[in-house]
Amino acid sequence: MLPTLPATRNGITFTAAGDGMVHAKGTATDWATILVTQDLPAGEYTLEHTLADGVGPFCELKSTDGRIDLFSHGTVKATIPAGDYKMLVSVSPGKTVDATITPILRKLN
């Protein structure tokens, strides 16, 4: 599930690139983030991403209460309680990007 795209945030234009991929292009003047909130059941999950080209964007899964915050640098595995979570694709301030990222959240059990 992706947010409504295209969207421009703080100098970065995010566009849908098909098959769940997001293309990010531009120079971030501040944190550039798109997100979607989703209700997830309790369980063990992995969070990762693939980059088709370029470097810079990353994915994050955050609980709406701020207690859980997972980043997709490599594969991250965690057991989380049921609840509302924000899935984000972000580019850090000052970063110039022209990259396609695929956020991947898998429920293991």
C-alpha atoms as a PDB file:
ATOM      1  CA  MET A   1       0.000   0.000   0.000  1.00  0.00           C
ATOM      2  CA  LEU A   2       1.415   3.390  -1.030  1.00  0.00           C
ATOM      3  CA  PRO A   3       0.285   6.926  -0.246  1.00  0.00           C
ATOM      4  CA  THR A   4      -1.191   9.105  -2.987  1.00  0.00           C
ATOM      5  CA  LEU A   5       1.583   9.833  -5.482  1.00  0.00           C
ATOM      6  CA  PRO A   6       3.089  11.910  -7.001  1.00  0.00           C
ATOM      7  CA  ALA A   7       3.940  14.041  -3.979  1.00  0.00           C
ATOM      8  CA  THR A   8       6.662  16.622  -3.373  1.00  0.00           C
ATOM      9  CA  ARG A   9       8.084  17.019   0.112  1.00  0.00           C
ATOM     10  CA  ASN A  10      10.912  19.414   1.002  1.00  0.00           C
ATOM     11  CA  GLY A  11      12.543  19.313  -2.425  1.00  0.00           C
ATOM     12  CA  ILE A  12      12.032  15.598  -3.149  1.00  0.00           C
ATOM     13  CA  THR A  13       9.433  14.433  -5.657  1.00  0.00           C
ATOM     14  CA  PHE A  14       8.106  10.945  -4.955  1.00  0.00           C
ATOM     15  CA  THR A  15       6.385   9.084  -7.808  1.00  0.00           C
ATOM     16  CA  ALA A  16       4.930   5.599  -8.145  1.00  0.00           C
ATOM     17  CA  ALA A  17       7.250   3.369 -10.163  1.00  0.00           C
ATOM     18  CA  GLY A  18       4.991   0.286 -10.373  1.00  0.00           C
ATOM     19  CA  ASP A  19       4.982  -2.980  -8.392  1.00  0.00           C
ATOM     20  CA  GLY A  20       5.092  -1.171  -5.017  1.00  0.00           C
ATOM     21  CA  MET A  21       8.199   0.823  -5.948  1.00  0.00           C
ATOM     22  CA  VAL A  22       8.664   4.534  -5.234  1.00  0.00           C
ATOM     23  CA  HIS A  23      11.001   6.822  -7.205  1.00  0.00           C
ATOM     24  CA  ALA A  24      12.531   9.716  -5.240  1.00  0.00           C
ATOM     25  CA  LYS A  25      14.253  12.587  -7.044  1.00  0.00           C
ATOM     26  CA  GLY A  26      15.657  15.943  -5.935  1.00  0.00           C
ATOM     27  CA  THR A  27      17.618  17.495  -3.085  1.00  0.00           C
ATOM     28  CA  ALA A  28      16.082  17.391   0.384  1.00  0.00           C
ATOM     29  CA  THR A  29      15.918  20.798   2.079  1.00  0.00           C
ATOM     30  CA  ASP A  30      14.712  19.070   5.274  1.00  0.00           C
ATOM     31  CA  TRP A  31      13.388  15.582   6.057  1.00  0.00           C
ATOM     32  CA  ALA A  32      11.412  14.510   2.966  1.00  0.00           C
ATOM     33  CA  THR A  33       8.904  11.833   3.905  1.00  0.00           C
ATOM     34  CA  ILE A  34       5.842  10.101   2.520  1.00  0.00           C
ATOM     35  CA  LEU A  35       3.827   7.762   4.709  1.00  0.00           C
ATOM     36  CA  VAL A  36       0.791   5.558   4.986  1.00  0.00           C
ATOM     37  CA  THR A  37      -0.808   4.412   8.249  1.00  0.00           C
ATOM     38  CA  GLN A  38      -1.930   0.817   8.510  1.00  0.00           C
ATOM     39  CA  ASP A  39      -3.397  -1.421  11.224  1.00  0.00           C
ATOM     40  CA  LEU A  40      -1.105  -4.436  11.689  1.00  0.00           C
ATOM     41  CA  PRO A  41      -1.795  -7.632  13.635  1.00  0.00           C
ATOM     42  CA  ALA A  42       0.662  -8.690  16.337  1.00  0.00           C
ATOM     43  CA  GLY A  43       3.529 -10.868  15.172  1.00  0.00           C
ATOM     44  CA  GLU A  44       7.106 -11.125  14.035  1.00  0.00           C
ATOM     45  CA  TYR A  45       7.964  -8.987  11.006  1.00  0.00           C
ATOM     46  CA  THR A  46      10.941  -8.145   8.845  1.00  0.00           C
ATOM     47  CA  LEU A  47      11.447  -4.691   7.359  1.00  0.00           C
ATOM     48  CA  GLU A  48      13.829  -4.175   4.470  1.00  0.00           C
ATOM     49  CA  HIS A  49      14.098  -2.366   1.184  1.00  0.00           C
ATOM     50  CA  THR A  50      15.660  -2.796  -2.201  1.00  0.00           C
ATOM     51  CA  LEU A  51      17.126  -0.007  -4.301  1.00  0.00           C
ATOM     52  CA  ALA A  52      16.819  -0.404  -8.059  1.00  0.00           C
ATOM     53  CA  ASP A  53      19.192   2.485  -8.648  1.00  0.00           C
ATOM     54  CA  GLY A  54      20.907   5.164  -6.627  1.00  0.00           C
ATOM     55  CA  VAL A  55      21.294   5.571  -2.886  1.00  0.00           C
ATOM     56  CA  GLY A  56      19.675   7.679  -0.234  1.00  0.00           C
ATOM     57  CA  PRO A  57      16.044   6.793   0.500  1.00  0.00           C
ATOM     58  CA  PHE A  58      15.196   4.410   3.320  1.00  0.00           C
ATOM     59  CA  CYS A  59      12.084   2.877   4.898  1.00  0.00           C
ATOM     60  CA  GLU A  60      10.866   3.077   8.446  1.00  0.00           C
ATOM     61  CA  LEU A  61       8.052   1.474  10.436  1.00  0.00           C
ATOM     62  CA  LYS A  62       6.853   3.487  13.436  1.00  0.00           C
ATOM     63  CA  SER A  63       4.072   2.861  15.918  1.00  0.00           C
ATOM     64  CA  THR A  64       1.733   5.837  16.174  1.00  0.00           C
ATOM     65  CA  ASP A  65       2.588   6.117  19.888  1.00  0.00           C
ATOM     66  CA  GLY A  66       6.326   6.343  19.079  1.00  0.00           C
ATOM     67  CA  ARG A  67       7.381   3.293  21.118  1.00  0.00           C
ATOM     68  CA  ILE A  68       8.450   1.222  18.091  1.00  0.00           C
ATOM     69  CA  ASP A  69      10.738   2.630  15.410  1.00  0.00           C
ATOM     70  CA  LEU A  70      12.397   0.247  12.922  1.00  0.00           C
ATOM     71  CA  PHE A  71      14.707   1.313  10.081  1.00  0.00           C
ATOM     72  CA  SER A  72      15.379  -0.641   6.885  1.00  0.00           C
ATOM     73  CA  HIS A  73      19.180  -0.418   6.933  1.00  0.00           C
ATOM     74  CA  GLY A  74      19.721  -4.084   6.165  1.00  0.00           C
ATOM     75  CA  THR A  75      16.998  -6.516   7.229  1.00  0.00           C
ATOM     76  CA  VAL A  76      15.421  -5.704  10.571  1.00  0.00           C
ATOM     77  CA  LYS A  77      13.407  -8.340  12.436  1.00  0.00           C
ATOM     78  CA  ALA A  78      11.117  -7.521  15.355  1.00  0.00           C
ATOM     79  CA  THR A  79       8.072  -8.794  17.218  1.00  0.00           C
ATOM     80  CA  ILE A  80       5.471  -6.057  17.445  1.00  0.00           C
ATOM     81  CA  PRO A  81       2.106  -5.737  19.180  1.00  0.00           C
ATOM     82  CA  ALA A  82      -1.084  -5.198  17.171  1.00  0.00           C
ATOM     83  CA  GLY A  83      -1.848  -1.565  16.396  1.00  0.00           C
ATOM     84  CA  ASP A  84      -1.618   1.320  13.978  1.00  0.00           C
ATOM     85  CA  TYR A  85       1.773   1.790  12.323  1.00  0.00           C
ATOM     86  CA  LYS A  86       3.196   4.370   9.941  1.00  0.00           C
ATOM     87  CA  MET A  87       5.232   3.027   7.013  1.00  0.00           C
ATOM     88  CA  LEU A  88       7.523   5.776   5.767  1.00  0.00           C
ATOM     89  CA  VAL A  89       9.883   6.333   2.858  1.00  0.00           C
ATOM     90  CA  SER A  90      12.284   9.149   3.719  1.00  0.00           C
ATOM     91  CA  VAL A  91      15.289  11.085   2.465  1.00  0.00           C
ATOM     92  CA  SER A  92      17.497  12.870   5.012  1.00  0.00           C
ATOM     93  CA  PRO A  93      18.193  16.638   4.846  1.00  0.00           C
ATOM     94  CA  GLY A  94      20.834  17.737   2.326  1.00  0.00           C
ATOM     95  CA  LYS A  95      20.774  14.430   0.412  1.00  0.00           C
ATOM     96  CA  THR A  96      20.470  14.538  -3.399  1.00  0.00           C
ATOM     97  CA  VAL A  97      18.746  11.456  -4.800  1.00  0.00           C
ATOM     98  CA  ASP A  98      17.509   9.941  -8.034  1.00  0.00           C
ATOM     99  CA  ALA A  99      16.601   6.454  -6.845  1.00  0.00           C
ATOM    100  CA  THR A 100      13.847   3.843  -6.857  1.00  0.00           C
ATOM    101  CA  ILE A 101      13.103   2.081  -3.575  1.00  0.00           C
ATOM    102  CA  THR A 102      10.858  -0.879  -2.796  1.00  0.00           C
ATOM    103  CA  PRO A 103       9.730  -1.006   0.856  1.00  0.00           C
ATOM    104  CA  ILE A 104       9.213  -4.593   2.038  1.00  0.00           C
ATOM    105  CA  LEU A 105       7.370  -5.512   5.229  1.00  0.00           C
ATOM    106  CA  ARG A 106       6.877  -9.248   5.782  1.00  0.00           C
ATOM    107  CA  LYS A 107       4.882 -10.936   8.540  1.00  0.00           C
ATOM    108  CA  LEU A 108       6.736 -14.093   9.580  1.00  0.00           C
ATOM    109  CA  ASN A 109       4.177 -15.480  12.048  1.00  0.00           C
END
